[in-house]
Amino acid sequence: MLESSKALRPWRERIRALAQEHYTADPLQEALRVDIVFYFARPQNHMRTGRYKHELKASAPIFPATKRNDVDKLSRAILDGLTGVVFDDDGRVVDLRARKVYSTKREGAQVQVRHAVLL
């Protein structure tokens, strides 16, 4: 499968490097739940102008529902980057929760991996 984005390989490598930095145990070999929140900067056109430039326009969308940055492709890149470091195979993930949000404080992703549990 060929990837269309030139930014994908560096993104995966960055994920892998951060995972290696923060996770030092052996790769997990059990059913897992992964929660991911992707943070995106708001476009400038979502903001008011003038002395109210720090406020959102009433018409600004709540979620970043763009044609780019599919949440499933973003999630796959995260899981691929974690494979071999945090878990031995991304097939171990039985519960995946991912969402995209706007943030004024940061861009990137927050990832949490935990044991899967039945509810």
Protein backbone atom coordinates (compact mmCIF):
# COMPACT_ATOMS: atom_id res chain seq x y z
CA MET A 1 0.00 0.00 0.00
CA LEU A 2 1.41 3.40 -0.95
CA GLU A 3 0.93 6.35 1.35
CA SER A 4 -0.08 9.62 -0.28
CA SER A 5 1.22 11.95 2.43
CA LYS A 6 4.93 12.75 2.56
CA ALA A 7 4.46 13.78 6.21
CA LEU A 8 3.32 10.29 7.26
CA ARG A 9 6.72 8.62 7.62
CA PRO A 10 8.23 11.42 9.80
CA TRP A 11 5.02 11.45 11.90
CA ARG A 12 5.25 7.70 12.52
CA GLU A 13 8.95 7.98 13.33
CA ARG A 14 8.22 10.78 15.81
CA ILE A 15 5.52 8.66 17.45
CA ARG A 16 7.91 5.70 17.67
CA ALA A 17 10.68 7.87 19.18
CA LEU A 18 8.34 9.33 21.80
CA ALA A 19 6.96 5.89 22.62
CA GLN A 20 10.49 4.53 23.12
CA GLU A 21 11.28 7.50 25.35
CA HIS A 22 8.21 7.08 27.56
CA TYR A 23 7.62 3.32 27.50
CA THR A 24 10.52 1.12 28.55
CA ALA A 25 8.83 -2.21 29.35
CA ASP A 26 8.43 -5.12 26.97
CA PRO A 27 5.74 -4.76 24.30
CA LEU A 28 2.30 -5.72 25.59
CA GLN A 29 0.80 -8.97 24.34
CA GLU A 30 -2.81 -8.76 25.45
CA ALA A 31 -6.11 -7.15 24.47
CA LEU A 32 -5.76 -3.37 24.65
CA ARG A 33 -7.80 -0.19 24.61
CA VAL A 34 -6.28 2.89 22.97
CA ASP A 35 -7.67 6.39 23.45
CA ILE A 36 -6.40 9.12 21.15
CA VAL A 37 -7.23 12.82 21.06
CA PHE A 38 -5.89 14.75 18.07
CA TYR A 39 -5.46 18.47 18.66
CA PHE A 40 -5.68 20.92 15.75
CA ALA A 41 -5.17 24.67 15.67
CA ARG A 42 -8.21 26.69 14.70
CA PRO A 43 -8.00 28.46 11.36
CA GLN A 44 -7.78 32.24 11.68
CA ASN A 45 -11.11 32.63 9.85
CA HIS A 46 -12.86 31.07 12.88
CA MET A 47 -11.90 34.08 14.97
CA ARG A 48 -13.49 37.49 15.17
CA THR A 49 -11.52 40.59 14.23
CA GLY A 50 -10.52 43.83 15.86
CA ARG A 51 -10.68 44.11 19.60
CA TYR A 52 -12.60 40.80 19.73
CA LYS A 53 -9.94 38.85 17.81
CA HIS A 54 -9.50 36.47 20.77
CA GLU A 55 -13.15 35.36 20.52
CA LEU A 56 -14.66 32.74 18.24
CA LYS A 57 -17.20 33.69 15.60
CA ALA A 58 -20.67 32.33 16.31
CA SER A 59 -20.43 30.47 13.00
CA ALA A 60 -17.16 28.69 13.90
CA PRO A 61 -17.60 24.90 13.89
CA ILE A 62 -17.13 22.97 17.10
CA PHE A 63 -15.23 20.04 15.57
CA PRO A 64 -12.53 20.01 12.88
CA ALA A 65 -14.57 18.19 10.23
CA THR A 66 -12.25 18.79 7.32
CA LYS A 67 -11.73 16.65 4.25
CA ARG A 68 -8.11 16.24 5.32
CA ASN A 69 -6.86 14.42 8.37
CA ASP A 70 -9.26 11.49 8.48
CA VAL A 71 -9.48 10.28 12.06
CA ASP A 72 -9.06 6.67 10.92
CA LYS A 73 -5.85 7.43 9.00
CA LEU A 74 -4.49 9.50 11.87
CA SER A 75 -5.25 6.64 14.25
CA ARG A 76 -3.61 4.09 11.99
CA ALA A 77 -0.42 6.20 11.93
CA ILE A 78 -0.40 6.29 15.74
CA LEU A 79 -0.95 2.54 16.04
CA ASP A 80 1.74 1.82 13.44
CA GLY A 81 4.17 4.02 15.37
CA LEU A 82 3.43 2.22 18.65
CA THR A 83 3.72 -1.28 17.17
CA GLY A 84 6.85 -3.03 18.33
CA VAL A 85 7.34 -0.55 21.16
CA VAL A 86 4.20 -0.43 23.32
CA PHE A 87 2.52 -3.55 21.90
CA ASP A 88 3.81 -6.32 19.70
CA ASP A 89 1.06 -5.99 17.08
CA ASP A 90 -1.67 -3.42 16.53
CA GLY A 91 -4.09 -6.33 16.19
CA ARG A 92 -3.99 -6.40 20.01
CA VAL A 93 -6.11 -3.23 20.02
CA VAL A 94 -9.72 -4.32 20.55
CA ASP A 95 -11.11 -0.96 21.65
CA LEU A 96 -10.05 2.21 19.82
CA ARG A 97 -11.47 5.62 20.66
CA ALA A 98 -10.28 8.58 18.65
CA ARG A 99 -11.47 12.14 18.25
CA LYS A 100 -10.33 15.40 16.72
CA VAL A 101 -10.67 18.65 18.63
CA TYR A 102 -9.63 22.24 18.18
CA SER A 103 -7.17 23.63 20.67
CA THR A 104 -5.73 27.07 21.25
CA LYS A 105 -2.99 25.64 23.47
CA ARG A 106 -1.37 22.84 21.44
CA GLU A 107 -1.31 20.74 18.31
CA GLY A 108 -0.54 17.04 18.16
CA ALA A 109 -1.99 13.97 19.81
CA GLN A 110 -2.50 12.57 23.27
CA VAL A 111 -2.41 8.77 23.41
CA GLN A 112 -3.35 6.47 26.25
CA VAL A 113 -2.92 2.68 26.07
CA ARG A 114 -4.49 0.46 28.71
CA HIS A 115 -5.70 -3.06 29.26
CA ALA A 116 -9.04 -3.78 27.64
CA VAL A 117 -11.89 -4.50 30.05
CA LEU A 118 -15.40 -5.73 29.53
CA LEU A 119 -18.12 -3.35 30.60
